[in-house]
Amino acid sequence: MTRRSVILMGGPDSGKTNFVGRLWVALDARTGAIHAAVQPDDIGFVLDTADHLFEGHFAPRTEHADRRDFEVTVVPAAGGDETKILIPDIRGELWRDAVVNSEISADWMEELKLADGALLFVRVNSELNVSPLDWVTSQRLLQLVGADQDRDKLPTQVMLIELIRFLELTLADRPDGGKPRLSVVVAAWDLVDAETRAAGPEAFIAKEYPMLGGRLRDTSRLDVQVFGLSVVGGDLTVDEDYRRAFLDAGLDGHGWVYAYDGANDRWKCEPDVTLPVAWVVGV
């Protein structure tokens, strides 16, 4: 059986944990591009996260555990070999600290070297997003290593750019000789207006995080695909009407991904929330 590792990366409050909970529900329901082949042995935190979603709440941010692993054996919906996927869910604060301190632990570095690819998260309207700055100011902040008063001032896009650099330096080429794959996931995509949604998450990144957008276009080491994500299809925290309708209908059938349809040159809403992971592992 092939073992593939998919790393989840992103800052605090970027949507990683809620995605893992919703991903398991989709894998277990066997409705997406990849299915769960067997019941995993230890998915307590994933089930806890899914329970929050079933009850109409987003899971709280990870506060205690530095790392929690979600390991599951999947099989393509169209048929094929089973693949064991390990998804380490690492606390966003630790990714941020790795950038600020310009170092990453040996354990994480080894996991990156073994990974087939990664999912990089940024969330729309997160209160913890730090507004973009100009290149000069951002570069100066990166040089202020270890200054506690500057840690929380690191612009979100600068942190994400540095995480991409980690990936470029550590991810190995795929077994077929192709580039390692990176899914950039814009979480809470349901919060954007209709015009922004139609333009797609790639245009959103280019507008809101121009340095990040340029870096994604400029990388020659990674094969990049951008997705918009809504884990439950709407806003459970503000839209009370939607929350009531969601609780009446249940989690099944809720949640979607905005993916680029190259054949028709447009962004398309897909009900399959497994797509960002399926694409990374080549399914």
C-alpha atoms as a PDB file:
ATOM      1  CA  MET A   1       0.000   0.000   0.000  1.00  0.00           C
ATOM      2  CA  THR A   2       1.304   3.442  -0.903  1.00  0.00           C
ATOM      3  CA  ARG A   3       1.827   5.900   1.965  1.00  0.00           C
ATOM      4  CA  ARG A   4       1.310   9.524   1.093  1.00  0.00           C
ATOM      5  CA  SER A   5       1.552  12.453   3.442  1.00  0.00           C
ATOM      6  CA  VAL A   6      -0.349  15.680   2.913  1.00  0.00           C
ATOM      7  CA  ILE A   7       0.733  18.592   5.112  1.00  0.00           C
ATOM      8  CA  LEU A   8      -1.836  21.170   6.260  1.00  0.00           C
ATOM      9  CA  MET A   9      -0.230  24.593   6.599  1.00  0.00           C
ATOM     10  CA  GLY A  10      -1.530  28.043   7.480  1.00  0.00           C
ATOM     11  CA  GLY A  11      -1.677  30.571  10.271  1.00  0.00           C
ATOM     12  CA  PRO A  12      -3.971  30.692  13.288  1.00  0.00           C
ATOM     13  CA  ASP A  13      -7.707  30.703  12.470  1.00  0.00           C
ATOM     14  CA  SER A  14      -7.131  29.776   8.827  1.00  0.00           C
ATOM     15  CA  GLY A  15      -9.694  26.949   8.681  1.00  0.00           C
ATOM     16  CA  LYS A  16      -7.493  23.836   8.826  1.00  0.00           C
ATOM     17  CA  THR A  17      -9.203  22.027  11.706  1.00  0.00           C
ATOM     18  CA  ASN A  18     -12.761  22.518  10.443  1.00  0.00           C
ATOM     19  CA  PHE A  19     -11.676  21.273   7.023  1.00  0.00           C
ATOM     20  CA  VAL A  20     -10.271  18.055   8.484  1.00  0.00           C
ATOM     21  CA  GLY A  21     -13.555  17.408  10.297  1.00  0.00           C
ATOM     22  CA  ARG A  22     -15.605  18.047   7.159  1.00  0.00           C
ATOM     23  CA  LEU A  23     -13.183  16.015   5.034  1.00  0.00           C
ATOM     24  CA  TRP A  24     -13.699  12.918   7.165  1.00  0.00           C
ATOM     25  CA  VAL A  25     -17.497  13.189   6.847  1.00  0.00           C
ATOM     26  CA  ALA A  26     -17.138  13.337   3.047  1.00  0.00           C
ATOM     27  CA  LEU A  27     -14.666  10.440   2.963  1.00  0.00           C
ATOM     28  CA  ASP A  28     -16.927   8.324   5.157  1.00  0.00           C
ATOM     29  CA  ALA A  29     -20.009   9.153   3.076  1.00  0.00           C
ATOM     30  CA  ARG A  30     -18.097   8.026  -0.055  1.00  0.00           C
ATOM     31  CA  THR A  31     -19.516  10.846  -2.165  1.00  0.00           C
ATOM     32  CA  GLY A  32     -16.331  12.510  -3.455  1.00  0.00           C
ATOM     33  CA  ALA A  33     -13.336  11.827  -5.677  1.00  0.00           C
ATOM     34  CA  ILE A  34     -11.747   9.756  -2.915  1.00  0.00           C
ATOM     35  CA  HIS A  35     -13.437   7.461  -0.400  1.00  0.00           C
ATOM     36  CA  ALA A  36     -12.438   6.050   2.963  1.00  0.00           C
ATOM     37  CA  ALA A  37     -11.526   2.409   2.365  1.00  0.00           C
ATOM     38  CA  VAL A  38     -11.557   1.391   6.028  1.00  0.00           C
ATOM     39  CA  GLN A  39     -12.458   2.972   9.356  1.00  0.00           C
ATOM     40  CA  PRO A  40      -9.356   4.657  10.844  1.00  0.00           C
ATOM     41  CA  ASP A  41      -8.117   3.471  14.230  1.00  0.00           C
ATOM     42  CA  ASP A  42      -7.766   6.805  16.003  1.00  0.00           C
ATOM     43  CA  ILE A  43      -9.718   9.832  14.819  1.00  0.00           C
ATOM     44  CA  GLY A  44     -11.042  11.178  18.109  1.00  0.00           C
ATOM     45  CA  PHE A  45     -10.220  14.832  17.446  1.00  0.00           C
ATOM     46  CA  VAL A  46     -11.617  14.564  13.901  1.00  0.00           C
ATOM     47  CA  LEU A  47     -14.914  13.200  15.207  1.00  0.00           C
ATOM     48  CA  ASP A  48     -15.015  15.953  17.847  1.00  0.00           C
ATOM     49  CA  THR A  49     -14.595  18.539  15.101  1.00  0.00           C
ATOM     50  CA  ALA A  50     -17.295  16.894  12.980  1.00  0.00           C
ATOM     51  CA  ASP A  51     -19.638  16.885  15.992  1.00  0.00           C
ATOM     52  CA  HIS A  52     -19.250  20.671  16.280  1.00  0.00           C
ATOM     53  CA  LEU A  53     -20.255  21.014  12.622  1.00  0.00           C
ATOM     54  CA  PHE A  54     -23.212  18.635  12.987  1.00  0.00           C
ATOM     55  CA  GLU A  55     -24.424  20.788  15.878  1.00  0.00           C
ATOM     56  CA  GLY A  56     -24.251  23.952  13.798  1.00  0.00           C
ATOM     57  CA  HIS A  57     -21.019  25.380  15.217  1.00  0.00           C
ATOM     58  CA  PHE A  58     -17.519  25.760  13.869  1.00  0.00           C
ATOM     59  CA  ALA A  59     -14.862  23.988  15.915  1.00  0.00           C
ATOM     60  CA  PRO A  60     -12.816  26.262  18.189  1.00  0.00           C
ATOM     61  CA  ARG A  61      -9.232  27.030  17.276  1.00  0.00           C
ATOM     62  CA  THR A  62      -6.623  24.500  18.335  1.00  0.00           C
ATOM     63  CA  GLU A  63      -5.209  25.793  21.627  1.00  0.00           C
ATOM     64  CA  HIS A  64      -3.311  22.941  23.259  1.00  0.00           C
ATOM     65  CA  ALA A  65      -1.930  20.155  21.068  1.00  0.00           C
ATOM     66  CA  ASP A  66       1.022  21.128  18.909  1.00  0.00           C
ATOM     67  CA  ARG A  67       0.205  18.443  16.386  1.00  0.00           C
ATOM     68  CA  ARG A  68      -2.608  15.958  15.785  1.00  0.00           C
ATOM     69  CA  ASP A  69      -2.452  13.428  12.983  1.00  0.00           C
ATOM     70  CA  PHE A  70      -5.359  12.230  10.868  1.00  0.00           C
ATOM     71  CA  GLU A  71      -4.436   8.986   9.094  1.00  0.00           C
ATOM     72  CA  VAL A  72      -6.887   7.361   6.713  1.00  0.00           C
ATOM     73  CA  THR A  73      -6.750   4.830   3.892  1.00  0.00           C
ATOM     74  CA  VAL A  74      -8.539   6.062   0.780  1.00  0.00           C
ATOM     75  CA  VAL A  75      -9.420   4.661  -2.605  1.00  0.00           C
ATOM     76  CA  PRO A  76     -10.338   6.609  -5.779  1.00  0.00           C
ATOM     77  CA  ALA A  77     -14.055   6.720  -6.490  1.00  0.00           C
ATOM     78  CA  ALA A  78     -13.328   5.523 -10.027  1.00  0.00           C
ATOM     79  CA  GLY A  79     -11.429   2.516  -8.688  1.00  0.00           C
ATOM     80  CA  GLY A  80      -7.761   1.842  -8.174  1.00  0.00           C
ATOM     81  CA  ASP A  81      -5.193   1.098  -5.509  1.00  0.00           C
ATOM     82  CA  GLU A  82      -5.659   1.976  -1.874  1.00  0.00           C
ATOM     83  CA  THR A  83      -3.518   4.831  -0.542  1.00  0.00           C
ATOM     84  CA  LYS A  84      -2.784   5.581   3.097  1.00  0.00           C
ATOM     85  CA  ILE A  85      -2.852   9.331   3.674  1.00  0.00           C
ATOM     86  CA  LEU A  86      -1.364  10.978   6.745  1.00  0.00           C
ATOM     87  CA  ILE A  87      -2.573  14.532   7.355  1.00  0.00           C
ATOM     88  CA  PRO A  88      -0.754  16.247  10.240  1.00  0.00           C
ATOM     89  CA  ASP A  89      -2.898  19.080  11.607  1.00  0.00           C
ATOM     90  CA  ILE A  90      -0.322  21.423  13.147  1.00  0.00           C
ATOM     91  CA  ARG A  91      -1.313  24.454  15.182  1.00  0.00           C
ATOM     92  CA  GLY A  92      -1.279  27.700  13.179  1.00  0.00           C
ATOM     93  CA  GLU A  93       0.704  29.531  15.858  1.00  0.00           C
ATOM     94  CA  LEU A  94       3.534  27.027  15.417  1.00  0.00           C
ATOM     95  CA  TRP A  95       3.715  27.610  11.658  1.00  0.00           C
ATOM     96  CA  ARG A  96       3.815  31.350  12.319  1.00  0.00           C
ATOM     97  CA  ASP A  97       6.539  30.949  14.929  1.00  0.00           C
ATOM     98  CA  ALA A  98       8.571  28.814  12.522  1.00  0.00           C
ATOM     99  CA  VAL A  99       8.536  31.706  10.054  1.00  0.00           C
ATOM    100  CA  VAL A 100       9.325  34.377  12.647  1.00  0.00           C
ATOM    101  CA  ASN A 101      12.241  32.372  14.042  1.00  0.00           C
ATOM    102  CA  SER A 102      13.404  31.228  10.581  1.00  0.00           C
ATOM    103  CA  GLU A 103      13.580  27.612  11.713  1.00  0.00           C
ATOM    104  CA  ILE A 104      11.451  24.510  11.711  1.00  0.00           C
ATOM    105  CA  SER A 105      11.739  21.498  13.999  1.00  0.00           C
ATOM    106  CA  ALA A 106      13.565  18.377  12.838  1.00  0.00           C
ATOM    107  CA  ASP A 107      10.348  16.322  13.130  1.00  0.00           C
ATOM    108  CA  TRP A 108       8.407  18.684  10.901  1.00  0.00           C
ATOM    109  CA  MET A 109      11.265  18.901   8.422  1.00  0.00           C
ATOM    110  CA  GLU A 110      11.363  15.107   8.159  1.00  0.00           C
ATOM    111  CA  GLU A 111       7.594  14.998   7.620  1.00  0.00           C
ATOM    112  CA  LEU A 112       7.881  17.610   4.880  1.00  0.00           C
ATOM    113  CA  LYS A 113      10.562  15.560   3.145  1.00  0.00           C
ATOM    114  CA  LEU A 114       8.245  12.531   3.136  1.00  0.00           C
ATOM    115  CA  ALA A 115       5.183  14.456   1.928  1.00  0.00           C
ATOM    116  CA  ASP A 116       3.726  14.318  -1.563  1.00  0.00           C
ATOM    117  CA  GLY A 117       2.370  17.813  -1.209  1.00  0.00           C
ATOM    118  CA  ALA A 118       0.538  20.283   0.975  1.00  0.00           C
ATOM    119  CA  LEU A 119      -2.605  22.314   1.521  1.00  0.00           C
ATOM    120  CA  LEU A 120      -1.959  25.968   2.366  1.00  0.00           C
ATOM    121  CA  PHE A 121      -4.890  27.752   4.056  1.00  0.00           C
ATOM    122  CA  VAL A 122      -5.889  31.391   4.258  1.00  0.00           C
ATOM    123  CA  ARG A 123      -9.335  32.375   5.524  1.00  0.00           C
ATOM    124  CA  VAL A 124     -11.549  35.193   4.305  1.00  0.00           C
ATOM    125  CA  ASN A 125     -12.178  37.891   6.937  1.00  0.00           C
ATOM    126  CA  SER A 126     -10.273  36.160   9.723  1.00  0.00           C
ATOM    127  CA  GLU A 127      -9.725  38.504  12.669  1.00  0.00           C
ATOM    128  CA  LEU A 128      -6.173  37.146  12.885  1.00  0.00           C
ATOM    129  CA  ASN A 129      -5.249  38.046   9.306  1.00  0.00           C
ATOM    130  CA  VAL A 130      -2.608  40.788   9.327  1.00  0.00           C
ATOM    131  CA  SER A 131      -3.058  43.283   6.510  1.00  0.00           C
ATOM    132  CA  PRO A 132      -0.573  43.262   3.641  1.00  0.00           C
ATOM    133  CA  LEU A 133       2.281  45.758   3.733  1.00  0.00           C
ATOM    134  CA  ASP A 134       4.654  46.962   1.077  1.00  0.00           C
ATOM    135  CA  TRP A 135       7.750  44.928   0.180  1.00  0.00           C
ATOM    136  CA  VAL A 136      10.173  47.197   2.078  1.00  0.00           C
ATOM    137  CA  THR A 137       8.241  47.143   5.352  1.00  0.00           C
ATOM    138  CA  SER A 138       7.528  43.411   5.087  1.00  0.00           C
ATOM    139  CA  GLN A 139      11.170  42.580   4.472  1.00  0.00           C
ATOM    140  CA  ARG A 140      12.186  44.630   7.512  1.00  0.00           C
ATOM    141  CA  LEU A 141       9.717  42.713   9.689  1.00  0.00           C
ATOM    142  CA  LEU A 142      11.140  39.401   8.518  1.00  0.00           C
ATOM    143  CA  GLN A 143      14.564  40.522   9.727  1.00  0.00           C
ATOM    144  CA  LEU A 144      13.309  41.255  13.257  1.00  0.00           C
ATOM    145  CA  VAL A 145      13.888  37.730  14.476  1.00  0.00           C
ATOM    146  CA  GLY A 146      12.760  36.958  18.016  1.00  0.00           C
ATOM    147  CA  ALA A 147      11.295  40.381  18.846  1.00  0.00           C
ATOM    148  CA  ASP A 148       8.124  39.512  20.775  1.00  0.00           C
ATOM    149  CA  GLN A 149       6.441  42.832  20.072  1.00  0.00           C
ATOM    150  CA  ASP A 150       6.720  42.175  16.329  1.00  0.00           C
ATOM    151  CA  ARG A 151       5.597  38.550  16.238  1.00  0.00           C
ATOM    152  CA  ASP A 152       1.902  39.294  15.777  1.00  0.00           C
ATOM    153  CA  LYS A 153       2.654  42.065  13.261  1.00  0.00           C
ATOM    154  CA  LEU A 154       4.000  39.686  10.635  1.00  0.00           C
ATOM    155  CA  PRO A 155       1.749  40.172   7.586  1.00  0.00           C
ATOM    156  CA  THR A 156      -0.264  37.082   6.763  1.00  0.00           C
ATOM    157  CA  GLN A 157       0.945  36.999   3.177  1.00  0.00           C
ATOM    158  CA  VAL A 158       4.588  37.187   4.254  1.00  0.00           C
ATOM    159  CA  MET A 159       4.080  34.186   6.531  1.00  0.00           C
ATOM    160  CA  LEU A 160       2.432  32.257   3.686  1.00  0.00           C
ATOM    161  CA  ILE A 161       5.254  33.154   1.294  1.00  0.00           C
ATOM    162  CA  GLU A 162       7.795  31.801   3.763  1.00  0.00           C
ATOM    163  CA  LEU A 163       5.798  28.588   4.180  1.00  0.00           C
ATOM    164  CA  ILE A 164       5.893  28.170   0.404  1.00  0.00           C
ATOM    165  CA  ARG A 165       9.663  28.561   0.587  1.00  0.00           C
ATOM    166  CA  PHE A 166       9.788  25.762   3.184  1.00  0.00           C
ATOM    167  CA  LEU A 167       7.860  23.559   0.766  1.00  0.00           C
ATOM    168  CA  GLU A 168      10.101  24.396  -2.175  1.00  0.00           C
ATOM    169  CA  LEU A 169      13.195  23.492  -0.178  1.00  0.00           C
ATOM    170  CA  THR A 170      11.906  20.228   1.293  1.00  0.00           C
ATOM    171  CA  LEU A 171       9.243  18.532  -0.834  1.00  0.00           C
ATOM    172  CA  ALA A 172      10.623  15.867  -3.149  1.00  0.00           C
ATOM    173  CA  ASP A 173       9.457  15.294  -6.712  1.00  0.00           C
ATOM    174  CA  ARG A 174       6.564  12.891  -7.152  1.00  0.00           C
ATOM    175  CA  PRO A 175       7.298   9.208  -7.910  1.00  0.00           C
ATOM    176  CA  ASP A 176       6.282   9.833 -11.530  1.00  0.00           C
ATOM    177  CA  GLY A 177       8.850  12.631 -11.789  1.00  0.00           C
ATOM    178  CA  GLY A 178       6.284  15.432 -11.573  1.00  0.00           C
ATOM    179  CA  LYS A 179       6.498  18.448  -9.328  1.00  0.00           C
ATOM    180  CA  PRO A 180       5.176  18.218  -5.766  1.00  0.00           C
ATOM    181  CA  ARG A 181       1.655  19.608  -5.578  1.00  0.00           C
ATOM    182  CA  LEU A 182       0.293  22.475  -3.509  1.00  0.00           C
ATOM    183  CA  SER A 183      -3.404  23.198  -3.023  1.00  0.00           C
ATOM    184  CA  VAL A 184      -3.948  26.787  -1.881  1.00  0.00           C
ATOM    185  CA  VAL A 185      -7.287  26.815  -0.059  1.00  0.00           C
ATOM    186  CA  VAL A 186      -9.177  30.078   0.515  1.00  0.00           C
ATOM    187  CA  ALA A 187     -11.487  29.091   3.383  1.00  0.00           C
ATOM    188  CA  ALA A 188     -14.841  30.736   4.195  1.00  0.00           C
ATOM    189  CA  TRP A 189     -15.308  31.394   0.482  1.00  0.00           C
ATOM    190  CA  ASP A 190     -19.068  31.668   1.083  1.00  0.00           C
ATOM    191  CA  LEU A 191     -18.434  35.070   2.750  1.00  0.00           C
ATOM    192  CA  VAL A 192     -17.282  36.848  -0.424  1.00  0.00           C
ATOM    193  CA  ASP A 193     -19.703  38.797  -2.622  1.00  0.00           C
ATOM    194  CA  ALA A 194     -21.083  37.428  -5.883  1.00  0.00           C
ATOM    195  CA  GLU A 195     -18.677  39.417  -8.076  1.00  0.00           C
ATOM    196  CA  THR A 196     -15.621  38.249  -6.131  1.00  0.00           C
ATOM    197  CA  ARG A 197     -16.863  34.678  -6.141  1.00  0.00           C
ATOM    198  CA  ALA A 198     -17.349  34.695  -9.907  1.00  0.00           C
ATOM    199  CA  ALA A 199     -13.817  36.024 -10.443  1.00  0.00           C
ATOM    200  CA  GLY A 200     -12.475  33.102  -8.418  1.00  0.00           C
ATOM    201  CA  PRO A 201     -10.151  32.614  -5.442  1.00  0.00           C
ATOM    202  CA  GLU A 202      -7.025  33.161  -7.530  1.00  0.00           C
ATOM    203  CA  ALA A 203      -8.145  36.714  -8.361  1.00  0.00           C
ATOM    204  CA  PHE A 204      -9.048  37.234  -4.700  1.00  0.00           C
ATOM    205  CA  ILE A 205      -5.510  36.334  -3.638  1.00  0.00           C
ATOM    206  CA  ALA A 206      -4.025  38.599  -6.308  1.00  0.00           C
ATOM    207  CA  LYS A 207      -6.087  41.521  -4.991  1.00  0.00           C
ATOM    208  CA  GLU A 208      -5.950  40.965  -1.235  1.00  0.00           C
ATOM    209  CA  TYR A 209      -2.473  39.409  -1.016  1.00  0.00           C
ATOM    210  CA  PRO A 210      -0.591  40.625  -4.103  1.00  0.00           C
ATOM    211  CA  MET A 211       2.837  39.438  -2.932  1.00  0.00           C
ATOM    212  CA  LEU A 212       1.447  35.958  -2.296  1.00  0.00           C
ATOM    213  CA  GLY A 213      -0.272  35.950  -5.674  1.00  0.00           C
ATOM    214  CA  GLY A 214       2.966  36.876  -7.399  1.00  0.00           C
ATOM    215  CA  ARG A 215       4.880  34.223  -5.471  1.00  0.00           C
ATOM    216  CA  LEU A 216       2.420  31.509  -6.501  1.00  0.00           C
ATOM    217  CA  ARG A 217       2.760  32.481 -10.147  1.00  0.00           C
ATOM    218  CA  ASP A 218       6.540  32.603  -9.872  1.00  0.00           C
ATOM    219  CA  THR A 219       7.268  29.220  -8.293  1.00  0.00           C
ATOM    220  CA  SER A 220       8.913  26.710 -10.602  1.00  0.00           C
ATOM    221  CA  ARG A 221       9.267  23.959  -7.972  1.00  0.00           C
ATOM    222  CA  LEU A 222       5.606  23.421  -7.158  1.00  0.00           C
ATOM    223  CA  ASP A 223       2.513  22.536  -9.147  1.00  0.00           C
ATOM    224  CA  VAL A 224      -0.083  24.917  -7.687  1.00  0.00           C
ATOM    225  CA  GLN A 225      -3.868  24.762  -7.776  1.00  0.00           C
ATOM    226  CA  VAL A 226      -6.113  27.278  -5.970  1.00  0.00           C
ATOM    227  CA  PHE A 227      -9.474  26.380  -4.441  1.00  0.00           C
ATOM    228  CA  GLY A 228     -12.218  28.282  -2.661  1.00  0.00           C
ATOM    229  CA  LEU A 229     -13.743  26.344   0.231  1.00  0.00           C
ATOM    230  CA  SER A 230     -16.892  26.472   2.317  1.00  0.00           C
ATOM    231  CA  VAL A 231     -16.969  23.596   4.812  1.00  0.00           C
ATOM    232  CA  VAL A 232     -20.721  23.914   5.461  1.00  0.00           C
ATOM    233  CA  GLY A 233     -21.905  26.107   2.580  1.00  0.00           C
ATOM    234  CA  GLY A 234     -22.758  29.205   4.593  1.00  0.00           C
ATOM    235  CA  ASP A 235     -22.122  31.296   7.692  1.00  0.00           C
ATOM    236  CA  LEU A 236     -23.225  29.525  10.875  1.00  0.00           C
ATOM    237  CA  THR A 237     -22.067  32.333  13.158  1.00  0.00           C
ATOM    238  CA  VAL A 238     -24.001  35.312  11.751  1.00  0.00           C
ATOM    239  CA  ASP A 239     -26.733  34.023   9.445  1.00  0.00           C
ATOM    240  CA  GLU A 240     -29.277  32.575  11.870  1.00  0.00           C
ATOM    241  CA  ASP A 241     -31.710  31.662   9.084  1.00  0.00           C
ATOM    242  CA  TYR A 242     -29.025  29.629   7.364  1.00  0.00           C
ATOM    243  CA  ARG A 243     -28.047  27.975  10.637  1.00  0.00           C
ATOM    244  CA  ARG A 244     -31.632  26.878  11.296  1.00  0.00           C
ATOM    245  CA  ALA A 245     -31.972  25.506   7.762  1.00  0.00           C
ATOM    246  CA  PHE A 246     -28.638  23.754   8.139  1.00  0.00           C
ATOM    247  CA  LEU A 247     -29.673  22.111  11.418  1.00  0.00           C
ATOM    248  CA  ASP A 248     -32.955  20.959   9.858  1.00  0.00           C
ATOM    249  CA  ALA A 249     -31.216  19.399   6.851  1.00  0.00           C
ATOM    250  CA  GLY A 250     -28.012  18.134   8.492  1.00  0.00           C
ATOM    251  CA  LEU A 251     -24.397  18.269   7.349  1.00  0.00           C
ATOM    252  CA  ASP A 252     -24.769  15.892   4.414  1.00  0.00           C
ATOM    253  CA  GLY A 253     -25.004  17.820   1.176  1.00  0.00           C
ATOM    254  CA  HIS A 254     -23.583  20.992   2.709  1.00  0.00           C
ATOM    255  CA  GLY A 255     -20.162  22.366   1.894  1.00  0.00           C
ATOM    256  CA  TRP A 256     -18.549  22.931  -1.470  1.00  0.00           C
ATOM    257  CA  VAL A 257     -15.362  23.829  -3.289  1.00  0.00           C
ATOM    258  CA  TYR A 258     -14.748  26.436  -5.978  1.00  0.00           C
ATOM    259  CA  ALA A 259     -12.409  24.832  -8.514  1.00  0.00           C
ATOM    260  CA  TYR A 260     -11.097  26.028 -11.872  1.00  0.00           C
ATOM    261  CA  ASP A 261     -12.697  24.350 -14.875  1.00  0.00           C
ATOM    262  CA  GLY A 262      -9.937  24.569 -17.478  1.00  0.00           C
ATOM    263  CA  ALA A 263     -12.025  23.073 -20.275  1.00  0.00           C
ATOM    264  CA  ASN A 264     -14.535  25.930 -20.053  1.00  0.00           C
ATOM    265  CA  ASP A 265     -12.152  28.584 -18.654  1.00  0.00           C
ATOM    266  CA  ARG A 266     -14.296  29.380 -15.628  1.00  0.00           C
ATOM    267  CA  TRP A 267     -14.596  28.762 -11.894  1.00  0.00           C
ATOM    268  CA  LYS A 268     -17.126  26.139 -10.944  1.00  0.00           C
ATOM    269  CA  CYS A 269     -18.816  25.286  -7.660  1.00  0.00           C
ATOM    270  CA  GLU A 270     -18.314  21.602  -6.865  1.00  0.00           C
ATOM    271  CA  PRO A 271     -20.026  19.767  -3.965  1.00  0.00           C
ATOM    272  CA  ASP A 272     -16.925  17.612  -3.420  1.00  0.00           C
ATOM    273  CA  VAL A 273     -14.871  18.923  -0.477  1.00  0.00           C
ATOM    274  CA  THR A 274     -12.271  16.173  -0.985  1.00  0.00           C
ATOM    275  CA  LEU A 275     -10.971  17.814  -4.181  1.00  0.00           C
ATOM    276  CA  PRO A 276      -8.056  19.803  -2.645  1.00  0.00           C
ATOM    277  CA  VAL A 277      -6.641  16.595  -1.112  1.00  0.00           C
ATOM    278  CA  ALA A 278      -7.502  14.375  -4.081  1.00  0.00           C
ATOM    279  CA  TRP A 279      -5.644  16.722  -6.405  1.00  0.00           C
ATOM    280  CA  VAL A 280      -2.505  16.758  -4.229  1.00  0.00           C
ATOM    281  CA  VAL A 281      -2.286  12.952  -4.164  1.00  0.00           C
ATOM    282  CA  GLY A 282      -2.986  12.727  -7.885  1.00  0.00           C
ATOM    283  CA  VAL A 283      -6.404  11.073  -7.800  1.00  0.00           C
END
